Protein backbone atom coordinates (compact mmCIF):
# COMPACT_ATOMS: atom_id res chain seq x y z
CA MET A 1 29.62 -25.63 -23.15
CA VAL A 2 28.86 -29.14 -24.42
CA GLU A 3 27.86 -30.29 -20.92
CA LEU A 4 25.76 -27.08 -20.52
CA ALA A 5 23.97 -27.77 -23.78
CA ARG A 6 23.15 -31.34 -22.67
CA GLU A 7 21.74 -30.03 -19.39
CA ALA A 8 19.64 -27.50 -21.35
CA VAL A 9 18.14 -30.24 -23.58
CA LYS A 10 16.99 -32.10 -20.35
CA ARG A 11 15.55 -28.96 -18.72
CA TYR A 12 14.30 -26.93 -21.65
CA PRO A 13 12.41 -28.66 -24.55
CA GLY A 14 12.27 -26.61 -27.69
CA LYS A 15 14.50 -23.78 -28.98
CA VAL A 16 17.39 -22.62 -26.74
CA TYR A 17 19.69 -19.62 -27.51
CA ARG A 18 23.30 -20.04 -26.89
CA GLY A 19 25.32 -17.09 -25.60
CA ALA A 20 24.50 -13.53 -24.86
CA LYS A 21 25.96 -10.58 -26.79
CA GLU A 22 26.48 -8.44 -23.65
CA ILE A 23 25.72 -8.30 -20.01
CA ARG A 24 25.54 -4.84 -18.46
CA GLY A 25 24.62 -4.98 -14.80
CA SER A 26 21.23 -6.65 -14.49
CA LEU A 27 20.50 -6.33 -18.29
CA MET A 28 21.31 -9.12 -20.76
CA ILE A 29 21.27 -8.44 -24.60
CA VAL A 30 20.55 -11.53 -26.74
CA ASP A 31 20.77 -11.37 -30.50
CA GLY A 32 19.25 -13.73 -33.17
CA VAL A 33 16.03 -13.95 -31.16
CA GLU A 34 12.65 -14.82 -32.87
CA ASP A 35 9.26 -13.93 -31.64
CA ALA A 36 10.20 -12.76 -28.16
CA GLY A 37 7.44 -10.83 -26.46
CA TYR A 38 7.48 -7.93 -23.97
CA ASP A 39 7.30 -9.08 -20.31
CA GLU A 40 7.96 -12.66 -21.33
CA VAL A 41 9.68 -14.85 -18.72
CA VAL A 42 13.10 -16.06 -19.71
CA ARG A 43 15.06 -19.02 -18.08
CA ILE A 44 18.89 -18.57 -18.02
CA LEU A 45 21.41 -21.45 -17.41
CA GLY A 46 24.91 -20.29 -16.68
CA LYS A 47 28.21 -22.13 -16.77
CA ASP A 48 28.15 -22.48 -12.98
CA GLY A 49 25.01 -24.71 -13.44
CA LYS A 50 22.61 -22.20 -11.67
CA GLU A 51 19.33 -21.41 -13.18
CA ARG A 52 18.20 -17.86 -13.24
CA PHE A 53 15.12 -16.06 -14.38
CA GLY A 54 14.57 -12.83 -16.34
CA ARG A 55 11.95 -10.76 -18.01
CA VAL A 56 11.94 -9.24 -21.52
CA LEU A 57 12.24 -5.48 -21.27
CA GLU A 58 12.61 -4.66 -24.97
CA THR A 59 12.35 -6.62 -28.18
CA SER A 60 12.83 -5.92 -31.79
CA GLU A 61 13.57 -7.99 -34.91
CA GLY A 62 16.37 -10.47 -33.94
CA HIS A 63 17.12 -8.65 -30.65
CA ALA A 64 15.89 -8.81 -27.10
CA VAL A 65 16.88 -7.03 -23.84
CA VAL A 66 16.36 -9.23 -20.76
CA GLN A 67 16.30 -7.91 -17.11
CA ILE A 68 17.93 -10.69 -14.95
CA LEU A 69 16.08 -11.42 -11.70
CA GLY A 70 17.88 -12.35 -8.56
CA ASP A 71 21.60 -13.06 -8.11
CA ARG A 72 23.77 -12.20 -11.11
CA GLU A 73 27.14 -13.12 -9.54
CA GLY A 74 29.14 -15.62 -11.74
CA LEU A 75 26.93 -15.15 -14.80
CA GLU A 76 28.84 -14.76 -18.02
CA THR A 77 27.93 -14.22 -21.65
CA ASP A 78 28.64 -17.93 -22.21
CA THR A 79 25.19 -19.02 -21.15
CA LEU A 80 21.95 -20.66 -22.52
CA VAL A 81 18.76 -18.70 -22.80
CA LYS A 82 15.27 -20.19 -23.07
CA PHE A 83 12.18 -17.76 -23.93
CA THR A 84 9.27 -19.46 -22.27
CA GLY A 85 6.47 -17.77 -24.31
CA THR A 86 4.55 -16.88 -21.10
CA THR A 87 4.44 -13.88 -18.80
CA PHE A 88 5.34 -14.15 -15.10
CA LYS A 89 2.91 -16.64 -13.14
CA ILE A 90 2.65 -17.57 -9.51
CA ARG A 91 0.95 -20.50 -7.84
CA VAL A 92 -1.79 -19.44 -5.45
CA SER A 93 -3.80 -21.43 -2.80
CA GLU A 94 -4.90 -21.18 0.73
CA ASP A 95 -1.39 -22.26 1.67
CA VAL A 96 -0.06 -18.73 0.97
CA LEU A 97 -1.56 -17.42 4.31
CA GLY A 98 1.06 -16.97 7.05
CA ARG A 99 3.90 -16.97 4.43
CA MET A 100 6.65 -14.52 3.44
CA PHE A 101 8.04 -14.26 -0.14
CA ASN A 102 10.60 -12.07 -1.95
CA GLY A 103 9.80 -9.98 -5.02
CA ARG A 104 10.03 -13.11 -7.19
CA PHE A 105 7.64 -15.00 -5.06
CA GLU A 106 10.33 -17.29 -3.61
CA PRO A 107 9.95 -18.29 0.07
CA ILE A 108 12.05 -16.33 2.53
CA ASP A 109 10.53 -17.87 5.66
CA GLY A 110 12.45 -21.28 5.50
CA LEU A 111 9.41 -23.16 4.29
CA PRO A 112 9.03 -24.90 0.94
CA PRO A 113 7.46 -23.14 -2.13
CA VAL A 114 3.70 -23.27 -2.65
CA VAL A 115 3.09 -26.33 -4.80
CA ALA A 116 -0.65 -26.67 -4.46
CA GLY A 117 -3.21 -24.59 -6.28
CA GLU A 118 -3.31 -22.99 -9.68
CA GLU A 119 -0.93 -20.76 -11.64
CA ARG A 120 -2.07 -17.12 -12.33
CA GLU A 121 -0.41 -14.46 -14.33
CA ILE A 122 0.54 -11.48 -12.10
CA SER A 123 -0.66 -8.91 -14.66
CA GLY A 124 -4.23 -9.79 -13.70
CA GLU A 125 -7.33 -8.57 -15.50
CA PRO A 126 -8.96 -5.15 -15.29
CA MET A 127 -12.16 -5.18 -13.23
CA ASN A 128 -15.26 -4.54 -15.29
CA PRO A 129 -16.74 -1.21 -14.06
CA VAL A 130 -20.26 -2.55 -14.59
CA ALA A 131 -19.47 -5.38 -12.22
CA ARG A 132 -18.17 -3.16 -9.46
CA VAL A 133 -20.18 -2.57 -6.29
CA TYR A 134 -20.02 0.87 -4.61
CA PRO A 135 -18.07 0.50 -1.33
CA TYR A 136 -20.23 0.96 1.76
CA GLN A 137 -18.79 -1.13 4.65
CA PHE A 138 -16.47 0.03 7.39
CA ILE A 139 -12.90 -1.37 8.15
CA GLN A 140 -11.63 -0.76 11.65
CA THR A 141 -7.99 0.03 11.85
CA GLY A 142 -7.74 0.67 15.59
CA ILE A 143 -6.16 4.04 14.79
CA SER A 144 -8.53 6.81 16.06
CA VAL A 145 -7.68 9.54 13.72
CA ILE A 146 -8.18 7.28 10.74
CA ASP A 147 -11.28 5.53 12.02
CA GLY A 148 -12.93 8.62 13.39
CA MET A 149 -12.17 11.15 10.70
CA PHE A 150 -11.05 9.39 7.58
CA SER A 151 -12.74 5.98 7.81
CA LEU A 152 -11.41 3.19 5.50
CA ILE A 153 -14.26 1.54 3.57
CA ARG A 154 -14.07 -1.96 2.12
CA GLY A 155 -13.10 -1.79 -1.58
CA GLN A 156 -11.71 1.79 -1.22
CA LYS A 157 -8.18 2.96 -2.33
CA LEU A 158 -6.86 5.30 0.34
CA PRO A 159 -3.25 6.32 0.20
CA ILE A 160 -0.92 7.77 2.90
CA PHE A 161 1.22 10.67 1.63
CA SER A 162 4.45 10.94 3.72
CA VAL A 163 7.89 12.36 3.42
CA SER A 164 11.28 10.77 4.23
CA GLY A 165 11.85 10.40 7.92
CA LEU A 166 8.37 10.22 9.05
CA PRO A 167 7.00 6.97 10.68
CA HIS A 168 4.96 5.72 7.75
CA ASN A 169 6.42 2.24 8.05
CA ARG A 170 5.28 2.10 11.68
CA VAL A 171 1.81 3.10 10.63
CA ALA A 172 1.87 0.37 7.93
CA ALA A 173 2.85 -2.24 10.46
CA GLN A 174 0.22 -1.11 12.84
CA LEU A 175 -2.41 -1.27 10.16
CA ALA A 176 -1.31 -4.80 9.27
CA ARG A 177 -1.50 -5.81 12.84
CA GLN A 178 -4.75 -4.25 13.83
CA ALA A 179 -7.06 -3.84 10.79
CA THR A 180 -10.26 -5.93 10.88
CA VAL A 181 -13.72 -6.09 9.62
CA ARG A 182 -16.72 -5.97 12.00
CA GLY A 183 -19.29 -8.61 12.17
CA GLU A 184 -19.50 -12.29 12.93
CA GLY A 185 -18.28 -14.84 10.47
CA GLU A 186 -16.32 -12.36 8.36
CA SER A 187 -12.93 -13.68 7.08
CA PHE A 188 -10.22 -11.09 6.97
CA ALA A 189 -6.72 -11.13 5.60
CA VAL A 190 -3.80 -8.73 5.07
CA VAL A 191 -1.42 -8.74 2.11
CA PHE A 192 1.68 -6.67 2.61
CA ALA A 193 3.91 -5.58 -0.26
CA GLY A 194 7.20 -4.11 0.80
CA ILE A 195 8.67 -2.29 -2.31
CA GLY A 196 12.39 -1.37 -2.37
CA LEU A 197 12.85 -1.76 1.45
CA ARG A 198 16.18 -1.30 3.12
CA ASN A 199 17.39 -4.38 5.06
CA THR A 200 16.61 -2.65 8.31
CA GLU A 201 13.10 -1.94 7.15
CA ALA A 202 12.51 -5.44 5.95
CA GLU A 203 13.81 -6.75 9.41
CA PHE A 204 11.42 -4.40 11.22
CA PHE A 205 8.37 -5.70 9.24
CA ILE A 206 9.44 -9.28 9.67
CA GLU A 207 9.86 -8.80 13.47
CA GLN A 208 6.54 -7.06 13.81
CA PHE A 209 4.61 -9.77 11.93
CA ARG A 210 6.15 -12.56 13.85
CA GLU A 211 6.13 -11.08 17.31
CA THR A 212 2.52 -9.85 17.24
CA GLY A 213 0.97 -13.07 15.72
CA ALA A 214 -0.22 -11.02 12.76
CA LEU A 215 1.44 -13.51 10.39
CA GLU A 216 -1.28 -16.08 10.79
CA ARG A 217 -3.71 -14.08 8.60
CA LEU A 218 -1.03 -12.20 6.51
CA VAL A 219 0.87 -12.76 3.28
CA ALA A 220 4.08 -10.59 2.97
CA ILE A 221 5.95 -9.94 -0.33
CA LEU A 222 9.18 -8.20 0.51
CA ASN A 223 11.31 -6.64 -2.18
CA LEU A 224 14.69 -5.19 -1.04
CA ALA A 225 16.48 -2.15 -2.31
CA ASN A 226 19.42 -4.21 -3.63
CA ASP A 227 17.08 -6.50 -5.72
CA PRO A 228 16.79 -5.82 -9.52
CA ALA A 229 14.55 -2.82 -10.31
CA VAL A 230 12.18 -4.97 -12.39
CA GLU A 231 11.24 -6.87 -9.21
CA ARG A 232 9.88 -3.62 -7.87
CA LEU A 233 7.47 -3.60 -10.72
CA MET A 234 6.41 -7.19 -9.97
CA THR A 235 6.01 -6.92 -6.21
CA PRO A 236 2.64 -5.02 -6.16
CA ARG A 237 1.19 -7.17 -8.94
CA ILE A 238 2.16 -10.39 -7.16
CA ALA A 239 0.52 -8.99 -4.03
CA LEU A 240 -2.71 -8.12 -5.82
CA THR A 241 -2.79 -11.47 -7.68
CA VAL A 242 -2.66 -13.21 -4.18
CA ALA A 243 -5.23 -10.76 -2.82
CA GLU A 244 -7.60 -11.42 -5.83
CA TYR A 245 -7.39 -15.22 -5.14
CA LEU A 246 -8.12 -14.77 -1.39
CA ALA A 247 -10.94 -12.26 -2.06
CA PHE A 248 -12.76 -13.65 -5.01
CA ASP A 249 -11.99 -17.31 -4.82
CA LEU A 250 -11.98 -17.82 -0.95
CA GLY A 251 -14.49 -15.12 -0.19
CA MET A 252 -12.20 -13.09 2.20
CA HIS A 253 -12.01 -9.35 2.89
CA VAL A 254 -8.42 -8.43 2.02
CA LEU A 255 -6.55 -5.29 2.92
CA VAL A 256 -3.53 -4.79 0.72
CA ILE A 257 -0.80 -2.36 2.11
CA MET A 258 2.01 -1.22 -0.25
CA SER A 259 5.04 0.54 0.98
CA ASP A 260 6.63 2.45 -0.67
CA MET A 261 4.97 3.23 -4.07
CA THR A 262 7.61 5.94 -4.76
CA ASN A 263 10.22 3.15 -5.02
CA TYR A 264 7.93 1.52 -7.60
CA CYS A 265 7.74 4.66 -9.62
CA GLU A 266 11.55 5.17 -9.48
CA ALA A 267 11.99 1.66 -10.81
CA LEU A 268 9.45 2.49 -13.66
CA ARG A 269 11.50 5.46 -14.50
CA GLU A 270 14.81 3.45 -14.47
CA ILE A 271 13.50 0.71 -16.73
CA SER A 272 11.87 3.27 -19.10
CA THR A 273 15.32 4.92 -19.40
CA ALA A 274 16.99 1.56 -20.01
CA ARG A 275 14.47 0.95 -22.92
CA GLY A 276 15.32 4.30 -24.44
CA GLU A 277 11.78 5.65 -24.02
CA ILE A 278 11.04 9.39 -24.45
CA PRO A 279 10.77 10.71 -20.82
CA GLY A 280 7.83 12.68 -19.51
CA ARG A 281 7.59 15.08 -16.58
CA LEU A 282 10.69 14.89 -14.38
CA GLY A 283 11.97 11.95 -16.38
CA TYR A 284 9.07 9.58 -15.52
CA PRO A 285 7.44 7.84 -18.45
CA GLY A 286 4.39 9.44 -19.98
CA TYR A 287 2.34 6.29 -19.30
CA MET A 288 2.90 6.32 -15.51
CA TYR A 289 -0.72 7.33 -14.83
CA SER A 290 -2.09 4.37 -16.76
CA ASP A 291 0.56 2.12 -15.18
CA LEU A 292 -0.39 3.16 -11.71
CA ALA A 293 -4.10 2.70 -12.62
CA THR A 294 -3.46 -0.91 -13.55
CA ILE A 295 -2.45 -1.38 -9.93
CA TYR A 296 -4.91 0.76 -8.01
CA GLU A 297 -7.94 -0.19 -10.07
CA ARG A 298 -7.58 -3.84 -9.11
CA ALA A 299 -9.08 -3.04 -5.74
CA GLY A 300 -12.73 -3.14 -5.21
CA ILE A 301 -15.84 -5.32 -4.77
CA VAL A 302 -17.36 -7.41 -7.52
CA LYS A 303 -21.04 -8.22 -7.89
CA GLY A 304 -21.75 -11.83 -6.97
CA LYS A 305 -18.50 -12.35 -4.95
CA ASN A 306 -18.37 -12.34 -1.16
CA GLY A 307 -14.92 -10.94 -0.77
CA SER A 308 -13.40 -7.45 -1.30
CA ILE A 309 -9.93 -5.87 -1.85
CA THR A 310 -9.18 -2.63 -0.06
CA LEU A 311 -5.90 -0.90 -1.02
CA PHE A 312 -3.74 1.28 1.27
CA PRO A 313 -0.65 2.38 -0.66
CA ILE A 314 1.95 4.40 1.15
CA LEU A 315 4.23 6.74 -0.78
CA THR A 316 6.95 9.37 0.24
CA MET A 317 6.60 12.66 -1.65
CA PRO A 318 10.06 13.64 -3.06
CA GLY A 319 11.03 16.83 -1.24
CA GLY A 320 7.54 16.98 0.33
CA ASP A 321 6.11 18.26 -2.99
CA LEU A 322 2.46 17.49 -3.44
CA ARG A 323 2.66 18.53 -7.14
CA HIS A 324 5.38 15.89 -7.90
CA PRO A 325 4.15 13.45 -10.50
CA ILE A 326 3.92 10.51 -8.07
CA PRO A 327 1.41 12.08 -5.44
CA ASP A 328 -0.18 14.04 -8.15
CA LEU A 329 -1.13 11.08 -10.23
CA THR A 330 -1.96 8.93 -7.28
CA GLY A 331 -4.48 11.51 -6.05
CA TYR A 332 -6.34 11.38 -9.37
CA ILE A 333 -6.81 7.66 -9.19
CA THR A 334 -7.58 7.10 -5.49
CA GLU A 335 -10.49 8.09 -3.25
CA GLY A 336 -8.86 10.45 -0.82
CA GLN A 337 -5.52 10.77 0.90
CA ILE A 338 -4.02 10.88 4.47
CA PHE A 339 -1.06 13.26 5.01
CA LEU A 340 1.58 12.83 7.66
CA SER A 341 3.08 15.96 9.18
CA ARG A 342 6.69 16.78 10.06
CA GLU A 343 5.46 19.33 12.69
CA LEU A 344 3.35 16.85 14.60
CA SER A 345 6.08 14.28 14.41
CA ALA A 346 8.65 16.68 15.85
CA GLN A 347 6.22 17.24 18.87
CA GLY A 348 6.27 13.37 19.52
CA ILE A 349 2.66 12.85 18.29
CA TYR A 350 2.09 9.42 16.68
CA PRO A 351 0.59 8.90 14.25
CA PRO A 352 1.47 12.42 12.96
CA VAL A 353 -1.63 12.70 10.77
CA ASN A 354 -2.14 16.23 9.32
CA VAL A 355 -5.98 16.41 9.67
CA LEU A 356 -6.83 19.49 7.61
CA PRO A 357 -5.67 18.46 4.13
CA SER A 358 -6.60 14.75 4.59
CA LEU A 359 -9.75 13.29 3.23
CA SER A 360 -11.65 10.01 2.68
CA ARG A 361 -14.09 10.44 -0.12
CA LEU A 362 -16.06 7.32 0.55
CA MET A 363 -16.25 7.65 4.38
CA LYS A 364 -19.93 8.82 4.45
CA SER A 365 -21.11 5.66 2.69
CA GLY A 366 -19.58 3.36 5.34
CA ILE A 367 -20.35 4.94 8.66
CA GLY A 368 -23.54 5.70 10.82
CA LYS A 369 -26.12 3.73 12.47
CA GLY A 370 -25.76 -0.12 11.91
CA LYS A 371 -22.20 0.37 10.63
CA THR A 372 -20.33 2.29 13.22
CA ARG A 373 -22.50 4.51 15.39
CA GLU A 374 -25.29 7.09 14.68
CA ASP A 375 -23.14 10.05 15.89
CA HIS A 376 -20.09 9.16 13.78
CA ARG A 377 -20.60 11.51 10.85
CA TYR A 378 -21.67 14.52 13.01
CA VAL A 379 -18.73 13.94 15.49
CA ALA A 380 -16.25 13.83 12.55
CA ASP A 381 -17.57 17.07 11.01
CA GLN A 382 -17.52 18.79 14.38
CA LEU A 383 -13.92 17.71 15.10
CA TYR A 384 -12.75 18.97 11.73
CA ASP A 385 -14.53 22.34 12.19
CA ALA A 386 -13.31 22.96 15.70
CA TYR A 387 -9.76 21.87 14.91
CA SER A 388 -9.53 24.19 11.91
CA ARG A 389 -10.66 27.12 14.21
CA GLY A 390 -8.10 26.00 16.78
CA VAL A 391 -5.26 26.01 14.20
CA LYS A 392 -6.25 29.51 13.10
CA ALA A 393 -6.20 30.67 16.74
CA ARG A 394 -2.73 29.12 17.14
CA ASP A 395 -1.41 31.00 14.05
CA LEU A 396 -2.94 34.20 15.37
CA ALA A 397 -1.44 33.60 18.85
CA ARG A 398 2.07 33.47 17.40
CA ILE A 399 1.52 37.02 16.15
CA ILE A 400 -0.34 38.72 18.99
CA GLY A 401 0.23 36.26 21.85
CA GLU A 402 -2.28 34.15 23.49
CA VAL A 403 -3.44 36.94 25.90
CA GLY A 404 -4.51 38.86 22.83
CA LEU A 405 -7.04 36.21 21.91
CA SER A 406 -10.77 36.34 22.80
CA LYS A 407 -12.07 33.89 25.25
CA ARG A 408 -13.85 31.94 22.44
CA MET A 409 -10.54 31.75 20.44
CA ARG A 410 -8.64 30.53 23.57
CA ASN A 411 -11.26 27.69 23.91
CA PHE A 412 -10.55 26.65 20.42
CA LEU A 413 -6.83 26.85 20.95
CA LYS A 414 -7.08 24.61 23.98
CA PHE A 415 -9.36 22.23 22.06
CA ALA A 416 -6.68 21.91 19.22
CA GLU A 417 -3.96 21.11 21.74
CA GLU A 418 -6.04 18.50 23.49
CA PHE A 419 -7.26 17.03 20.19
CA GLU A 420 -3.73 16.43 18.98
CA ARG A 421 -2.45 15.21 22.48
CA LYS A 422 -5.39 12.85 23.29
CA PHE A 423 -7.25 12.02 20.08
CA VAL A 424 -4.70 11.93 17.23
CA ASN A 425 -1.82 10.73 19.55
CA GLN A 426 -2.03 7.11 20.52
CA GLY A 427 0.42 4.25 21.32
CA PHE A 428 2.06 2.04 18.59
CA TYR A 429 0.45 -0.98 20.25
CA GLU A 430 -2.81 0.73 21.26
CA ASN A 431 -5.80 -0.72 19.46
CA ARG A 432 -9.01 1.35 19.86
CA SER A 433 -12.44 0.19 18.83
CA ILE A 434 -14.56 2.66 17.00
CA GLU A 435 -16.76 3.03 20.12
CA GLU A 436 -13.66 3.94 22.11
CA THR A 437 -12.56 6.45 19.40
CA LEU A 438 -15.99 8.20 19.32
CA ASP A 439 -16.20 8.38 23.19
CA LEU A 440 -12.72 9.90 23.24
CA ALA A 441 -13.86 12.41 20.60
CA TRP A 442 -16.73 13.46 22.86
CA GLN A 443 -14.37 13.93 25.75
CA VAL A 444 -12.24 16.28 23.70
CA LEU A 445 -15.30 18.11 22.39
CA SER A 446 -16.57 18.64 25.93
CA ILE A 447 -13.75 21.24 26.30
CA LEU A 448 -15.84 23.55 24.14
CA PRO A 449 -19.10 25.16 25.35
CA GLU A 450 -22.14 23.25 24.29
CA GLU A 451 -23.30 26.01 22.06
CA GLU A 452 -20.26 25.68 19.94
CA LEU A 453 -21.16 22.14 18.90
CA VAL A 454 -23.23 23.55 16.00
CA ARG A 455 -22.67 20.47 13.61
CA ILE A 456 -24.20 17.88 16.00
CA PRO A 457 -27.97 17.54 16.41
CA LYS A 458 -29.19 18.30 20.00
CA ARG A 459 -30.64 14.80 20.50
CA LEU A 460 -27.14 13.33 19.95
CA ILE A 461 -25.43 15.86 22.34
CA GLU A 462 -27.93 14.82 24.97
CA LYS A 463 -27.26 11.11 24.32
CA TYR A 464 -23.50 11.02 24.10
CA HIS A 465 -21.96 14.22 25.67
CA PRO A 466 -20.10 13.41 28.88
CA LYS A 467 -22.11 15.95 30.83
CA TYR A 468 -25.42 14.15 30.11
CA ARG A 469 -23.91 10.65 30.53
CA ARG A 470 -22.83 11.57 34.02
CA GLY A 471 -26.12 12.94 34.73
C-alpha cells in the first residue's frame, strides 16, 4: 500500500481516498468522501498497478457510489480513489473520422488515441429553440421505401421501430454505407453508436464498415453487452459530442445512427434501481422522457452554422408492444417513425418496412422540385393510397377468395403484391438514387388503370407515366 500511495502522489495531485468500503459487481462504495458530484469522473488505482475509471452514480454526505468502467478483474477494496471534479470529457478533432472506439472512447481499431483537438464534456448543451432552423433539405439513403415514402430530412429525428429477430442491424449498416446529401461541395459524415451490442453484432458492423469503404467518412462508437451498464448511457452522448464537433465546427452534414436505444433504456432502469430511485411505469425511471429528450433534441440545424445533425435511432419494442414506455416516449419526441414488419420479413422482403403505420412528419418540407423531383409528393401519396386499398383487398380475399373480388379490387391486390416485391424489396447492397426510386414507383403504379391515379395531376401523369414515356 505504501508503494501504491507513492504512485498515487505522482499521478494524482490533491486529495486521494484510500480504500473502498465495498465492491459489488461494477459498483464501488467509498466512505468519507467530501464534495463528490453526480456524474463526476473518478480515477481508480488498484494494487495491480492498473488505472481504471469510474463515474459517480450517487452521492450523499460522506458517501459515494461509483460505477467502475471497463475491466474490473483483480480490483480489490485495497485501492486508491481520486475524484477529479469534472464530468466525462473526450478529445475531438478531424482525426476522429475513420476511427472506431469503445463506449469509453478508447480506440479499438489498433490506432493510438486522439491527442489533437479540444476536450468537450459529453453531456453537451441544449440547443436553443430560437436558434433552430426548420429542416427542409433531403438526405438520400439509397433505400427506395424510405426515400420515396418516408424521406429523411436534414436535422430530423426519424426512428426505426423494430422487434427482436428482424434485420434492423442490416438496415442500420446499409444506411451508414449509403446515406449521402445531394449537391456539389457538401461534406457528409456518419457517426454510428452501437449500444449494448452482442459480440457477433459488433463484428458484423466492423466487417461492414471496413469492407465497403464506409469507414473513411464514419466514426463508430461500439459498446458491447458485457461492458458496464453506465457505458451504455455514455455511448450515445459521446456519439453526439463527436457529431456536434463535425457539424458545427467543421461544417459537415452528419447522420447519427443509434442501435439499439432499448438497450440504453434498460441500462437507465438498471442504474436507477441501483441508486434506489422510485420506479415509474414498468420499472423505468419517471425521468426517462426528459433523459431521452436530452439525447434526441441534440439533433438539428443551428442558425449561422453550415452543418447539421440528423438522428436515426433504432429501437426494438419489447414484445412488439407499441405502448411500451420506450417506443411510446420516443414517438412523442421524434418527428415520425418507420415500422418493420414480421410478416414481410417472413416473406423474404428486405427491408421489411410496414408502410401503413409509418410516417415522416417533415417529409413534405424536403421534397419536390429543386430538392428531389416535382412528382415526388404526389407519387408518395398515390403509392400510400393504392397500397392501403390493396391491403384491404388482400384481407377480404382471405375471407371470400380472390375470385369473389371485383375487377377493381383485384387490380389493387395485384398492385400491393408488386409494390412489396419490386418497390419495397431491394438488395442489401443495392443503392438506388431518388430518380431510380421514383421511376420504379411509376412502373408499379402503371399496373393500375390511369383513372385510378387520382392523387397525381394529369400533367405529371403525361410526363412520367411509362405509357407516355414510351410514346
